[in-house]
Amino acid sequence: ESALVTENPINRRYYIGPLITRLATNPVTMHEY
């Protein structure tokens, strides 16, 4: 629901979602800590 993961409706398997992908494209955000 929060776009952290996404489900393949065919095989019912889960994968990393678009929100995490967007975060990963900004290295500064990913390495703020």
ModelCIF file with pLDDT and N, C-alpha, C, O atoms, coordinates in Angstrom:
data_MODEL
#
_entry.id   MODEL 
#
_entity.id                         1 
_entity.type                       polymer 
_entity.pdbx_number_of_molecules   1 
#
_entity_poly.entity_id                      1 
_entity_poly.type                           'polypeptide(L)' 
_entity_poly.nstd_linkage                   no 
_entity_poly.nstd_monomer                   no 
_entity_poly.pdbx_seq_one_letter_code       ESALVTENPINRRYYIGPLITRLATNPVTMHEY 
_entity_poly.pdbx_seq_one_letter_code_can   ESALVTENPINRRYYIGPLITRLATNPVTMHEY 
_entity_poly.pdbx_strand_id                 A 
#
loop_
_entity_poly_seq.entity_id 
_entity_poly_seq.num 
_entity_poly_seq.mon_id 
_entity_poly_seq.hetero 
1 1  GLU n 
1 2  SER n 
1 3  ALA n 
1 4  LEU n 
1 5  VAL n 
1 6  THR n 
1 7  GLU n 
1 8  ASN n 
1 9  PRO n 
1 10 ILE n 
1 11 ASN n 
1 12 ARG n 
1 13 ARG n 
1 14 TYR n 
1 15 TYR n 
1 16 ILE n 
1 17 GLY n 
1 18 PRO n 
1 19 LEU n 
1 20 ILE n 
1 21 THR n 
1 22 ARG n 
1 23 LEU n 
1 24 ALA n 
1 25 THR n 
1 26 ASN n 
1 27 PRO n 
1 28 VAL n 
1 29 THR n 
1 30 MET n 
1 31 HIS n 
1 32 GLU n 
1 33 TYR n 
#
_struct_asym.id          A 
_struct_asym.entity_id   1 
#
loop_
_ma_qa_metric.id 
_ma_qa_metric.mode 
_ma_qa_metric.name 
_ma_qa_metric.software_group_id 
_ma_qa_metric.type 
1 global pLDDT . pLDDT 
2 local  pLDDT . pLDDT 
#
_ma_qa_metric_global.metric_id      1 
_ma_qa_metric_global.metric_value   81.42 
_ma_qa_metric_global.model_id       1 
_ma_qa_metric_global.ordinal_id     1 
#
loop_
_ma_qa_metric_local.label_asym_id 
_ma_qa_metric_local.label_comp_id 
_ma_qa_metric_local.label_seq_id 
_ma_qa_metric_local.metric_id 
_ma_qa_metric_local.metric_value 
_ma_qa_metric_local.model_id 
_ma_qa_metric_local.ordinal_id 
A GLU 1  2 90.00 1 1  
A SER 2  2 86.00 1 2  
A ALA 3  2 88.00 1 3  
A LEU 4  2 90.00 1 4  
A VAL 5  2 92.00 1 5  
A THR 6  2 91.00 1 6  
A GLU 7  2 91.00 1 7  
A ASN 8  2 89.00 1 8  
A PRO 9  2 83.00 1 9  
A ILE 10 2 85.00 1 10 
A ASN 11 2 87.00 1 11 
A ARG 12 2 89.00 1 12 
A ARG 13 2 92.00 1 13 
A TYR 14 2 94.00 1 14 
A TYR 15 2 92.00 1 15 
A ILE 16 2 88.00 1 16 
A GLY 17 2 86.00 1 17 
A PRO 18 2 82.00 1 18 
A LEU 19 2 82.00 1 19 
A ILE 20 2 77.00 1 20 
A THR 21 2 69.00 1 21 
A ARG 22 2 72.00 1 22 
A LEU 23 2 68.00 1 23 
A ALA 24 2 66.00 1 24 
A THR 25 2 64.00 1 25 
A ASN 26 2 66.00 1 26 
A PRO 27 2 64.00 1 27 
A VAL 28 2 67.00 1 28 
A THR 29 2 69.00 1 29 
A MET 30 2 73.00 1 30 
A HIS 31 2 85.00 1 31 
A GLU 32 2 85.00 1 32 
A TYR 33 2 85.00 1 33 
#
loop_
_atom_site.group_PDB 
_atom_site.id 
_atom_site.type_symbol 
_atom_site.label_atom_id 
_atom_site.label_alt_id 
_atom_site.label_comp_id 
_atom_site.label_asym_id 
_atom_site.label_entity_id 
_atom_site.label_seq_id 
_atom_site.pdbx_PDB_ins_code 
_atom_site.Cartn_x 
_atom_site.Cartn_y 
_atom_site.Cartn_z 
_atom_site.occupancy 
_atom_site.B_iso_or_equiv 
_atom_site.pdbx_formal_charge 
_atom_site.auth_seq_id 
_atom_site.auth_comp_id 
_atom_site.auth_asym_id 
_atom_site.auth_atom_id 
_atom_site.pdbx_PDB_model_num 
ATOM 1   N N  . GLU A 1 1  ? 0.819  -1.206  0.000   1.00 90.00 ? 1  GLU A N  1 
ATOM 2   C CA . GLU A 1 1  ? 0.000  0.000   0.000   1.00 90.00 ? 1  GLU A CA 1 
ATOM 3   C C  . GLU A 1 1  ? 0.859  1.264   0.000   1.00 90.00 ? 1  GLU A C  1 
ATOM 4   O O  . GLU A 1 1  ? 0.434  2.315   -0.481  1.00 90.00 ? 1  GLU A O  1 
ATOM 5   N N  . SER A 1 2  ? 2.067  1.149   0.544   1.00 86.00 ? 2  SER A N  1 
ATOM 6   C CA . SER A 1 2  ? 2.973  2.306   0.621   1.00 86.00 ? 2  SER A CA 1 
ATOM 7   C C  . SER A 1 2  ? 4.005  2.314   -0.496  1.00 86.00 ? 2  SER A C  1 
ATOM 8   O O  . SER A 1 2  ? 4.925  3.131   -0.483  1.00 86.00 ? 2  SER A O  1 
ATOM 9   N N  . ALA A 1 3  ? 3.862  1.413   -1.461  1.00 88.00 ? 3  ALA A N  1 
ATOM 10  C CA . ALA A 1 3  ? 4.764  1.311   -2.619  1.00 88.00 ? 3  ALA A CA 1 
ATOM 11  C C  . ALA A 1 3  ? 6.173  0.881   -2.224  1.00 88.00 ? 3  ALA A C  1 
ATOM 12  O O  . ALA A 1 3  ? 7.125  1.101   -2.973  1.00 88.00 ? 3  ALA A O  1 
ATOM 13  N N  . LEU A 1 4  ? 6.306  0.267   -1.042  1.00 90.00 ? 4  LEU A N  1 
ATOM 14  C CA . LEU A 1 4  ? 7.612  -0.250  -0.641  1.00 90.00 ? 4  LEU A CA 1 
ATOM 15  C C  . LEU A 1 4  ? 7.901  -1.583  -1.319  1.00 90.00 ? 4  LEU A C  1 
ATOM 16  O O  . LEU A 1 4  ? 9.058  -1.920  -1.570  1.00 90.00 ? 4  LEU A O  1 
ATOM 17  N N  . VAL A 1 5  ? 6.851  -2.336  -1.614  1.00 92.00 ? 5  VAL A N  1 
ATOM 18  C CA . VAL A 1 5  ? 6.998  -3.588  -2.351  1.00 92.00 ? 5  VAL A CA 1 
ATOM 19  C C  . VAL A 1 5  ? 5.920  -3.635  -3.423  1.00 92.00 ? 5  VAL A C  1 
ATOM 20  O O  . VAL A 1 5  ? 4.937  -2.895  -3.378  1.00 92.00 ? 5  VAL A O  1 
ATOM 21  N N  . THR A 1 6  ? 6.127  -4.519  -4.381  1.00 91.00 ? 6  THR A N  1 
ATOM 22  C CA . THR A 1 6  ? 5.123  -4.733  -5.420  1.00 91.00 ? 6  THR A CA 1 
ATOM 23  C C  . THR A 1 6  ? 4.950  -6.238  -5.618  1.00 91.00 ? 6  THR A C  1 
ATOM 24  O O  . THR A 1 6  ? 5.896  -7.006  -5.440  1.00 91.00 ? 6  THR A O  1 
ATOM 25  N N  . GLU A 1 7  ? 3.740  -6.654  -5.988  1.00 91.00 ? 7  GLU A N  1 
ATOM 26  C CA . GLU A 1 7  ? 3.429  -8.082  -6.148  1.00 91.00 ? 7  GLU A CA 1 
ATOM 27  C C  . GLU A 1 7  ? 3.212  -8.408  -7.621  1.00 91.00 ? 7  GLU A C  1 
ATOM 28  O O  . GLU A 1 7  ? 2.537  -7.676  -8.345  1.00 91.00 ? 7  GLU A O  1 
ATOM 29  N N  . ASN A 1 8  ? 3.796  -9.514  -8.041  1.00 89.00 ? 8  ASN A N  1 
ATOM 30  C CA . ASN A 1 8  ? 3.524  -10.051 -9.363  1.00 89.00 ? 8  ASN A CA 1 
ATOM 31  C C  . ASN A 1 8  ? 2.252  -10.893 -9.261  1.00 89.00 ? 8  ASN A C  1 
ATOM 32  O O  . ASN A 1 8  ? 2.282  -11.947 -8.625  1.00 89.00 ? 8  ASN A O  1 
ATOM 33  N N  . PRO A 1 9  ? 1.130  -10.469 -9.865  1.00 83.00 ? 9  PRO A N  1 
ATOM 34  C CA . PRO A 1 9  ? -0.135 -11.191 -9.684  1.00 83.00 ? 9  PRO A CA 1 
ATOM 35  C C  . PRO A 1 9  ? -0.143 -12.578 -10.318 1.00 83.00 ? 9  PRO A C  1 
ATOM 36  O O  . PRO A 1 9  ? -1.000 -13.401 -9.995  1.00 83.00 ? 9  PRO A O  1 
ATOM 37  N N  . ILE A 1 10 ? 0.802  -12.843 -11.214 1.00 85.00 ? 10 ILE A N  1 
ATOM 38  C CA . ILE A 1 10 ? 0.828  -14.135 -11.888 1.00 85.00 ? 10 ILE A CA 1 
ATOM 39  C C  . ILE A 1 10 ? 1.401  -15.216 -10.978 1.00 85.00 ? 10 ILE A C  1 
ATOM 40  O O  . ILE A 1 10 ? 0.800  -16.277 -10.811 1.00 85.00 ? 10 ILE A O  1 
ATOM 41  N N  . ASN A 1 11 ? 2.568  -14.941 -10.390 1.00 87.00 ? 11 ASN A N  1 
ATOM 42  C CA . ASN A 1 11 ? 3.206  -15.968 -9.561  1.00 87.00 ? 11 ASN A CA 1 
ATOM 43  C C  . ASN A 1 11 ? 3.141  -15.673 -8.070  1.00 87.00 ? 11 ASN A C  1 
ATOM 44  O O  . ASN A 1 11 ? 3.670  -16.434 -7.260  1.00 87.00 ? 11 ASN A O  1 
ATOM 45  N N  . ARG A 1 12 ? 2.483  -14.552 -7.701  1.00 89.00 ? 12 ARG A N  1 
ATOM 46  C CA . ARG A 1 12 ? 2.304  -14.177 -6.295  1.00 89.00 ? 12 ARG A CA 1 
ATOM 47  C C  . ARG A 1 12 ? 3.630  -13.975 -5.562  1.00 89.00 ? 12 ARG A C  1 
ATOM 48  O O  . ARG A 1 12 ? 3.731  -14.244 -4.364  1.00 89.00 ? 12 ARG A O  1 
ATOM 49  N N  . ARG A 1 13 ? 4.633  -13.506 -6.279  1.00 92.00 ? 13 ARG A N  1 
ATOM 50  C CA . ARG A 1 13 ? 5.917  -13.220 -5.657  1.00 92.00 ? 13 ARG A CA 1 
ATOM 51  C C  . ARG A 1 13 ? 6.072  -11.708 -5.498  1.00 92.00 ? 13 ARG A C  1 
ATOM 52  O O  . ARG A 1 13 ? 5.505  -10.929 -6.264  1.00 92.00 ? 13 ARG A O  1 
ATOM 53  N N  . TYR A 1 14 ? 6.843  -11.313 -4.500  1.00 94.00 ? 14 TYR A N  1 
ATOM 54  C CA . TYR A 1 14 ? 6.977  -9.900  -4.158  1.00 94.00 ? 14 TYR A CA 1 
ATOM 55  C C  . TYR A 1 14 ? 8.372  -9.388  -4.489  1.00 94.00 ? 14 TYR A C  1 
ATOM 56  O O  . TYR A 1 14 ? 9.355  -10.127 -4.442  1.00 94.00 ? 14 TYR A O  1 
ATOM 57  N N  . TYR A 1 15 ? 8.431  -8.087  -4.828  1.00 92.00 ? 15 TYR A N  1 
ATOM 58  C CA . TYR A 1 15 ? 9.691  -7.476  -5.225  1.00 92.00 ? 15 TYR A CA 1 
ATOM 59  C C  . TYR A 1 15 ? 9.779  -6.059  -4.624  1.00 92.00 ? 15 TYR A C  1 
ATOM 60  O O  . TYR A 1 15 ? 8.783  -5.490  -4.177  1.00 92.00 ? 15 TYR A O  1 
ATOM 61  N N  . ILE A 1 16 ? 10.998 -5.519  -4.631  1.00 88.00 ? 16 ILE A N  1 
ATOM 62  C CA . ILE A 1 16 ? 11.204 -4.160  -4.141  1.00 88.00 ? 16 ILE A CA 1 
ATOM 63  C C  . ILE A 1 16 ? 10.315 -3.197  -4.923  1.00 88.00 ? 16 ILE A C  1 
ATOM 64  O O  . ILE A 1 16 ? 10.227 -3.283  -6.148  1.00 88.00 ? 16 ILE A O  1 
ATOM 65  N N  . GLY A 1 17 ? 9.653  -2.276  -4.212  1.00 86.00 ? 17 GLY A N  1 
ATOM 66  C CA . GLY A 1 17 ? 8.672  -1.395  -4.837  1.00 86.00 ? 17 GLY A CA 1 
ATOM 67  C C  . GLY A 1 17 ? 9.248  -0.107  -5.396  1.00 86.00 ? 17 GLY A C  1 
ATOM 68  O O  . GLY A 1 17 ? 10.431 0.181   -5.211  1.00 86.00 ? 17 GLY A O  1 
ATOM 69  N N  . PRO A 1 18 ? 8.409  0.674   -6.084  1.00 82.00 ? 18 PRO A N  1 
ATOM 70  C CA . PRO A 1 18 ? 8.872  1.901   -6.757  1.00 82.00 ? 18 PRO A CA 1 
ATOM 71  C C  . PRO A 1 18 ? 9.354  2.987   -5.803  1.00 82.00 ? 18 PRO A C  1 
ATOM 72  O O  . PRO A 1 18 ? 10.219 3.782   -6.172  1.00 82.00 ? 18 PRO A O  1 
ATOM 73  N N  . LEU A 1 19 ? 8.814  3.041   -4.581  1.00 82.00 ? 19 LEU A N  1 
ATOM 74  C CA . LEU A 1 19 ? 9.264  4.077   -3.647  1.00 82.00 ? 19 LEU A CA 1 
ATOM 75  C C  . LEU A 1 19 ? 10.728 3.888   -3.290  1.00 82.00 ? 19 LEU A C  1 
ATOM 76  O O  . LEU A 1 19 ? 11.494 4.851   -3.266  1.00 82.00 ? 19 LEU A O  1 
ATOM 77  N N  . ILE A 1 20 ? 11.118 2.648   -3.012  1.00 77.00 ? 20 ILE A N  1 
ATOM 78  C CA . ILE A 1 20 ? 12.517 2.377   -2.675  1.00 77.00 ? 20 ILE A CA 1 
ATOM 79  C C  . ILE A 1 20 ? 13.407 2.637   -3.879  1.00 77.00 ? 20 ILE A C  1 
ATOM 80  O O  . ILE A 1 20 ? 14.528 3.126   -3.733  1.00 77.00 ? 20 ILE A O  1 
ATOM 81  N N  . THR A 1 21 ? 12.911 2.312   -5.067  1.00 69.00 ? 21 THR A N  1 
ATOM 82  C CA . THR A 1 21 ? 13.675 2.583   -6.285  1.00 69.00 ? 21 THR A CA 1 
ATOM 83  C C  . THR A 1 21 ? 13.922 4.077   -6.450  1.00 69.00 ? 21 THR A C  1 
ATOM 84  O O  . THR A 1 21 ? 15.023 4.487   -6.819  1.00 69.00 ? 21 THR A O  1 
ATOM 85  N N  . ARG A 1 22 ? 12.897 4.900   -6.178  1.00 72.00 ? 22 ARG A N  1 
ATOM 86  C CA . ARG A 1 22 ? 13.053 6.352   -6.292  1.00 72.00 ? 22 ARG A CA 1 
ATOM 87  C C  . ARG A 1 22 ? 14.049 6.874   -5.264  1.00 72.00 ? 22 ARG A C  1 
ATOM 88  O O  . ARG A 1 22 ? 14.869 7.741   -5.566  1.00 72.00 ? 22 ARG A O  1 
ATOM 89  N N  . LEU A 1 23 ? 13.972 6.341   -4.053  1.00 68.00 ? 23 LEU A N  1 
ATOM 90  C CA . LEU A 1 23 ? 14.918 6.757   -3.019  1.00 68.00 ? 23 LEU A CA 1 
ATOM 91  C C  . LEU A 1 23 ? 16.343 6.398   -3.402  1.00 68.00 ? 23 LEU A C  1 
ATOM 92  O O  . LEU A 1 23 ? 17.278 7.158   -3.150  1.00 68.00 ? 23 LEU A O  1 
ATOM 93  N N  . ALA A 1 24 ? 16.498 5.230   -4.014  1.00 66.00 ? 24 ALA A N  1 
ATOM 94  C CA . ALA A 1 24 ? 17.837 4.751   -4.363  1.00 66.00 ? 24 ALA A CA 1 
ATOM 95  C C  . ALA A 1 24 ? 18.485 5.569   -5.465  1.00 66.00 ? 24 ALA A C  1 
ATOM 96  O O  . ALA A 1 24 ? 19.707 5.545   -5.616  1.00 66.00 ? 24 ALA A O  1 
ATOM 97  N N  . THR A 1 25 ? 17.678 6.300   -6.245  1.00 64.00 ? 25 THR A N  1 
ATOM 98  C CA . THR A 1 25 ? 18.251 7.120   -7.318  1.00 64.00 ? 25 THR A CA 1 
ATOM 99  C C  . THR A 1 25 ? 18.838 8.421   -6.787  1.00 64.00 ? 25 THR A C  1 
ATOM 100 O O  . THR A 1 25 ? 19.482 9.154   -7.538  1.00 64.00 ? 25 THR A O  1 
ATOM 101 N N  . ASN A 1 26 ? 18.628 8.724   -5.507  1.00 66.00 ? 26 ASN A N  1 
ATOM 102 C CA . ASN A 1 26 ? 19.185 9.926   -4.890  1.00 66.00 ? 26 ASN A CA 1 
ATOM 103 C C  . ASN A 1 26 ? 20.207 9.503   -3.844  1.00 66.00 ? 26 ASN A C  1 
ATOM 104 O O  . ASN A 1 26 ? 19.843 9.263   -2.693  1.00 66.00 ? 26 ASN A O  1 
ATOM 105 N N  . PRO A 1 27 ? 21.483 9.406   -4.222  1.00 64.00 ? 27 PRO A N  1 
ATOM 106 C CA . PRO A 1 27 ? 22.505 8.911   -3.295  1.00 64.00 ? 27 PRO A CA 1 
ATOM 107 C C  . PRO A 1 27 ? 22.613 9.730   -2.019  1.00 64.00 ? 27 PRO A C  1 
ATOM 108 O O  . PRO A 1 27 ? 22.893 9.182   -0.953  1.00 64.00 ? 27 PRO A O  1 
ATOM 109 N N  . VAL A 1 28 ? 22.392 11.050  -2.117  1.00 67.00 ? 28 VAL A N  1 
ATOM 110 C CA . VAL A 1 28 ? 22.514 11.885  -0.921  1.00 67.00 ? 28 VAL A CA 1 
ATOM 111 C C  . VAL A 1 28 ? 21.458 11.495  0.101   1.00 67.00 ? 28 VAL A C  1 
ATOM 112 O O  . VAL A 1 28 ? 21.751 11.393  1.292   1.00 67.00 ? 28 VAL A O  1 
ATOM 113 N N  . THR A 1 29 ? 20.220 11.274  -0.365  1.00 69.00 ? 29 THR A N  1 
ATOM 114 C CA . THR A 1 29 ? 19.160 10.847  0.541   1.00 69.00 ? 29 THR A CA 1 
ATOM 115 C C  . THR A 1 29 ? 19.467 9.487   1.142   1.00 69.00 ? 29 THR A C  1 
ATOM 116 O O  . THR A 1 29 ? 19.267 9.274   2.338   1.00 69.00 ? 29 THR A O  1 
ATOM 117 N N  . MET A 1 30 ? 19.946 8.575   0.329   1.00 73.00 ? 30 MET A N  1 
ATOM 118 C CA . MET A 1 30 ? 20.229 7.222   0.794   1.00 73.00 ? 30 MET A CA 1 
ATOM 119 C C  . MET A 1 30 ? 21.347 7.201   1.832   1.00 73.00 ? 30 MET A C  1 
ATOM 120 O O  . MET A 1 30 ? 21.408 6.290   2.658   1.00 73.00 ? 30 MET A O  1 
ATOM 121 N N  . HIS A 1 31 ? 22.226 8.188   1.796   1.00 85.00 ? 31 HIS A N  1 
ATOM 122 C CA . HIS A 1 31 ? 23.390 8.175   2.682   1.00 85.00 ? 31 HIS A CA 1 
ATOM 123 C C  . HIS A 1 31 ? 23.346 9.297   3.719   1.00 85.00 ? 31 HIS A C  1 
ATOM 124 O O  . HIS A 1 31 ? 24.376 9.703   4.258   1.00 85.00 ? 31 HIS A O  1 
ATOM 125 N N  . GLU A 1 32 ? 22.147 9.785   3.986   1.00 85.00 ? 32 GLU A N  1 
ATOM 126 C CA . GLU A 1 32 ? 21.995 10.874  4.948   1.00 85.00 ? 32 GLU A CA 1 
ATOM 127 C C  . GLU A 1 32 ? 22.513 10.484  6.331   1.00 85.00 ? 32 GLU A C  1 
ATOM 128 O O  . GLU A 1 32 ? 23.082 11.315  7.038   1.00 85.00 ? 32 GLU A O  1 
ATOM 129 N N  . TYR A 1 33 ? 22.319 9.226   6.715   1.00 85.00 ? 33 TYR A N  1 
ATOM 130 C CA . TYR A 1 33 ? 22.776 8.810   8.051   1.00 85.00 ? 33 TYR A CA 1 
ATOM 131 C C  . TYR A 1 33 ? 24.293 8.772   8.132   1.00 85.00 ? 33 TYR A C  1 
ATOM 132 O O  . TYR A 1 33 ? 24.847 8.443   9.181   1.00 85.00 ? 33 TYR A O  1 
#
